[in-house]
């Protein structure tokens, strides 16, 4: 499968992480079109 291929070849997605307490900043970042990759909210 594609997931197995990615694991074998060390391929990972490009993401921008924001902590949960900065969810409003993450949304603003998306709305302004500044997100280069996926936005991920990280629970800390």
PDB file of N, CA and C in Angstrom:
ATOM      1  N   UNK A   1       0.839  -1.191   0.000  1.00  0.00           N
ATOM      2  CA  UNK A   1       0.000   0.000   0.000  1.00  0.00           C
ATOM      3  C   UNK A   1       0.880   1.249   0.000  1.00  0.00           C
ATOM      4  N   UNK A   2       0.243   2.378  -0.221  1.00  0.00           N
ATOM      5  CA  UNK A   2       0.969   3.645  -0.253  1.00  0.00           C
ATOM      6  C   UNK A   2       1.578   3.970   1.113  1.00  0.00           C
ATOM      7  N   UNK A   3       0.875   3.644   2.191  1.00  0.00           N
ATOM      8  CA  UNK A   3       1.425   3.908   3.528  1.00  0.00           C
ATOM      9  C   UNK A   3       2.685   3.090   3.782  1.00  0.00           C
ATOM     10  N   UNK A   4       2.687   1.853   3.362  1.00  0.00           N
ATOM     11  CA  UNK A   4       3.884   1.016   3.502  1.00  0.00           C
ATOM     12  C   UNK A   4       5.049   1.603   2.712  1.00  0.00           C
ATOM     13  N   UNK A   5       4.770   2.057   1.502  1.00  0.00           N
ATOM     14  CA  UNK A   5       5.800   2.675   0.668  1.00  0.00           C
ATOM     15  C   UNK A   5       6.402   3.892   1.371  1.00  0.00           C
ATOM     16  N   UNK A   6       5.537   4.741   1.939  1.00  0.00           N
ATOM     17  CA  UNK A   6       6.008   5.950   2.634  1.00  0.00           C
ATOM     18  C   UNK A   6       6.877   5.596   3.833  1.00  0.00           C
ATOM     19  N   UNK A   7       6.492   4.580   4.570  1.00  0.00           N
ATOM     20  CA  UNK A   7       7.281   4.150   5.726  1.00  0.00           C
ATOM     21  C   UNK A   7       8.642   3.626   5.278  1.00  0.00           C
ATOM     22  N   UNK A   8       8.660   2.804   4.258  1.00  0.00           N
ATOM     23  CA  UNK A   8       9.920   2.238   3.761  1.00  0.00           C
ATOM     24  C   UNK A   8      10.876   3.305   3.245  1.00  0.00           C
ATOM     25  N   UNK A   9      10.333   4.371   2.672  1.00  0.00           N
ATOM     26  CA  UNK A   9      11.168   5.397   2.053  1.00  0.00           C
ATOM     27  C   UNK A   9      11.262   6.676   2.879  1.00  0.00           C
ATOM     28  N   UNK A  10      10.815   6.599   4.131  1.00  0.00           N
ATOM     29  CA  UNK A  10      10.952   7.724   5.066  1.00  0.00           C
ATOM     30  C   UNK A  10      10.292   8.998   4.532  1.00  0.00           C
ATOM     31  N   UNK A  11       9.079   8.873   4.019  1.00  0.00           N
ATOM     32  CA  UNK A  11       8.332  10.001   3.464  1.00  0.00           C
ATOM     33  C   UNK A  11       7.272  10.427   4.476  1.00  0.00           C
ATOM     34  N   UNK A  12       7.277  11.705   4.816  1.00  0.00           N
ATOM     35  CA  UNK A  12       6.333  12.246   5.790  1.00  0.00           C
ATOM     36  C   UNK A  12       5.666  13.491   5.221  1.00  0.00           C
ATOM     37  N   UNK A  13       4.462  13.831   5.684  1.00  0.00           N
ATOM     38  CA  UNK A  13       3.784  15.028   5.185  1.00  0.00           C
ATOM     39  C   UNK A  13       4.431  16.300   5.744  1.00  0.00           C
ATOM     40  N   UNK A  14       4.314  17.376   4.990  1.00  0.00           N
ATOM     41  CA  UNK A  14       4.765  18.679   5.469  1.00  0.00           C
ATOM     42  C   UNK A  14       3.589  19.345   6.167  1.00  0.00           C
ATOM     43  N   UNK A  15       3.775  19.682   7.434  1.00  0.00           N
ATOM     44  CA  UNK A  15       2.709  20.306   8.212  1.00  0.00           C
ATOM     45  C   UNK A  15       3.267  21.473   9.013  1.00  0.00           C
ATOM     46  N   UNK A  16       2.377  22.392   9.336  1.00  0.00           N
ATOM     47  CA  UNK A  16       2.704  23.466  10.269  1.00  0.00           C
ATOM     48  C   UNK A  16       1.924  23.170  11.541  1.00  0.00           C
ATOM     49  N   UNK A  17       2.620  23.118  12.666  1.00  0.00           N
ATOM     50  CA  UNK A  17       1.967  22.791  13.934  1.00  0.00           C
ATOM     51  C   UNK A  17       1.699  24.057  14.735  1.00  0.00           C
ATOM     52  N   UNK A  18       0.502  24.109  15.306  1.00  0.00           N
ATOM     53  CA  UNK A  18       0.123  25.173  16.221  1.00  0.00           C
ATOM     54  C   UNK A  18      -0.384  24.506  17.495  1.00  0.00           C
ATOM     55  N   UNK A  19      -0.006  25.017  18.666  1.00  0.00           N
ATOM     56  CA  UNK A  19      -0.579  24.470  19.901  1.00  0.00           C
ATOM     57  C   UNK A  19      -2.060  24.842  19.990  1.00  0.00           C
ATOM     58  N   UNK A  20      -2.825  24.049  20.707  1.00  0.00           N
ATOM     59  CA  UNK A  20      -4.267  24.278  20.836  1.00  0.00           C
ATOM     60  C   UNK A  20      -4.587  25.671  21.374  1.00  0.00           C
ATOM     61  N   UNK A  21      -3.732  26.186  22.248  1.00  0.00           N
ATOM     62  CA  UNK A  21      -4.026  27.496  22.833  1.00  0.00           C
ATOM     63  C   UNK A  21      -3.819  28.634  21.828  1.00  0.00           C
ATOM     64  N   UNK A  22      -3.356  28.316  20.620  1.00  0.00           N
ATOM     65  CA  UNK A  22      -3.194  29.329  19.570  1.00  0.00           C
ATOM     66  C   UNK A  22      -4.088  29.016  18.368  1.00  0.00           C
ATOM     67  N   UNK A  23      -5.239  28.416  18.644  1.00  0.00           N
ATOM     68  CA  UNK A  23      -6.153  28.030  17.569  1.00  0.00           C
ATOM     69  C   UNK A  23      -6.607  29.245  16.768  1.00  0.00           C
ATOM     70  N   UNK A  24      -6.839  30.373  17.427  1.00  0.00           N
ATOM     71  CA  UNK A  24      -7.270  31.572  16.706  1.00  0.00           C
ATOM     72  C   UNK A  24      -6.185  32.067  15.756  1.00  0.00           C
ATOM     73  N   UNK A  25      -4.932  31.990  16.176  1.00  0.00           N
ATOM     74  CA  UNK A  25      -3.823  32.378  15.303  1.00  0.00           C
ATOM     75  C   UNK A  25      -3.723  31.429  14.109  1.00  0.00           C
ATOM     76  N   UNK A  26      -3.966  30.154  14.337  1.00  0.00           N
ATOM     77  CA  UNK A  26      -3.917  29.173  13.255  1.00  0.00           C
ATOM     78  C   UNK A  26      -5.005  29.466  12.219  1.00  0.00           C
ATOM     79  N   UNK A  27      -6.203  29.783  12.680  1.00  0.00           N
ATOM     80  CA  UNK A  27      -7.304  30.102  11.768  1.00  0.00           C
ATOM     81  C   UNK A  27      -6.990  31.366  10.979  1.00  0.00           C
ATOM     82  N   UNK A  28      -6.461  32.367  11.653  1.00  0.00           N
ATOM     83  CA  UNK A  28      -6.080  33.609  10.975  1.00  0.00           C
ATOM     84  C   UNK A  28      -5.000  33.339   9.923  1.00  0.00           C
ATOM     85  N   UNK A  29      -4.055  32.497  10.263  1.00  0.00           N
ATOM     86  CA  UNK A  29      -2.975  32.102   9.357  1.00  0.00           C
ATOM     87  C   UNK A  29      -3.560  31.475   8.081  1.00  0.00           C
ATOM     88  N   UNK A  30      -4.558  30.617   8.259  1.00  0.00           N
ATOM     89  CA  UNK A  30      -5.228  29.982   7.117  1.00  0.00           C
ATOM     90  C   UNK A  30      -6.010  30.993   6.285  1.00  0.00           C
ATOM     91  N   UNK A  31      -6.778  31.854   6.968  1.00  0.00           N
ATOM     92  CA  UNK A  31      -7.627  32.817   6.268  1.00  0.00           C
ATOM     93  C   UNK A  31      -6.819  33.810   5.443  1.00  0.00           C
ATOM     94  N   UNK A  32      -5.627  34.143   5.904  1.00  0.00           N
ATOM     95  CA  UNK A  32      -4.773  35.091   5.185  1.00  0.00           C
ATOM     96  C   UNK A  32      -3.987  34.418   4.060  1.00  0.00           C
ATOM     97  N   UNK A  33      -4.147  33.102   3.929  1.00  0.00           N
ATOM     98  CA  UNK A  33      -3.464  32.374   2.868  1.00  0.00           C
ATOM     99  C   UNK A  33      -1.982  32.176   3.120  1.00  0.00           C
ATOM    100  N   UNK A  34      -1.568  32.247   4.369  1.00  0.00           N
ATOM    101  CA  UNK A  34      -0.153  32.111   4.712  1.00  0.00           C
ATOM    102  C   UNK A  34       0.275  30.666   4.948  1.00  0.00           C
ATOM    103  N   UNK A  35      -0.681  29.764   5.022  1.00  0.00           N
ATOM    104  CA  UNK A  35      -0.353  28.358   5.282  1.00  0.00           C
ATOM    105  C   UNK A  35       0.301  27.759   4.044  1.00  0.00           C
ATOM    106  N   UNK A  36       1.522  27.293   4.185  1.00  0.00           N
ATOM    107  CA  UNK A  36       2.232  26.685   3.059  1.00  0.00           C
ATOM    108  C   UNK A  36       1.867  25.210   2.925  1.00  0.00           C
ATOM    109  N   UNK A  37       1.541  24.580   4.037  1.00  0.00           N
ATOM    110  CA  UNK A  37       1.234  23.155   4.048  1.00  0.00           C
ATOM    111  C   UNK A  37      -0.050  22.951   4.838  1.00  0.00           C
ATOM    112  N   UNK A  38      -0.232  21.783   5.376  1.00  0.00           N
ATOM    113  CA  UNK A  38      -1.382  21.511   6.237  1.00  0.00           C
ATOM    114  C   UNK A  38      -1.155  22.151   7.600  1.00  0.00           C
ATOM    115  N   UNK A  39      -2.231  22.589   8.215  1.00  0.00           N
ATOM    116  CA  UNK A  39      -2.174  23.128   9.572  1.00  0.00           C
ATOM    117  C   UNK A  39      -2.636  22.021  10.515  1.00  0.00           C
ATOM    118  N   UNK A  40      -1.853  21.785  11.559  1.00  0.00           N
ATOM    119  CA  UNK A  40      -2.174  20.760  12.547  1.00  0.00           C
ATOM    120  C   UNK A  40      -2.205  21.417  13.917  1.00  0.00           C
ATOM    121  N   UNK A  41      -3.283  21.177  14.660  1.00  0.00           N
ATOM    122  CA  UNK A  41      -3.368  21.656  16.036  1.00  0.00           C
ATOM    123  C   UNK A  41      -2.825  20.564  16.941  1.00  0.00           C
ATOM    124  N   UNK A  42      -1.849  20.939  17.750  1.00  0.00           N
ATOM    125  CA  UNK A  42      -1.173  19.972  18.609  1.00  0.00           C
ATOM    126  C   UNK A  42      -1.675  20.122  20.044  1.00  0.00           C
ATOM    127  N   UNK A  43      -2.141  19.031  20.617  1.00  0.00           N
ATOM    128  CA  UNK A  43      -2.623  19.034  21.991  1.00  0.00           C
ATOM    129  C   UNK A  43      -1.444  18.828  22.928  1.00  0.00           C
ATOM    130  N   UNK A  44      -1.164  19.832  23.714  1.00  0.00           N
ATOM    131  CA  UNK A  44      -0.015  19.740  24.633  1.00  0.00           C
ATOM    132  C   UNK A  44      -0.466  19.692  26.065  1.00  0.00           C
TER     133      UNK A  44
END
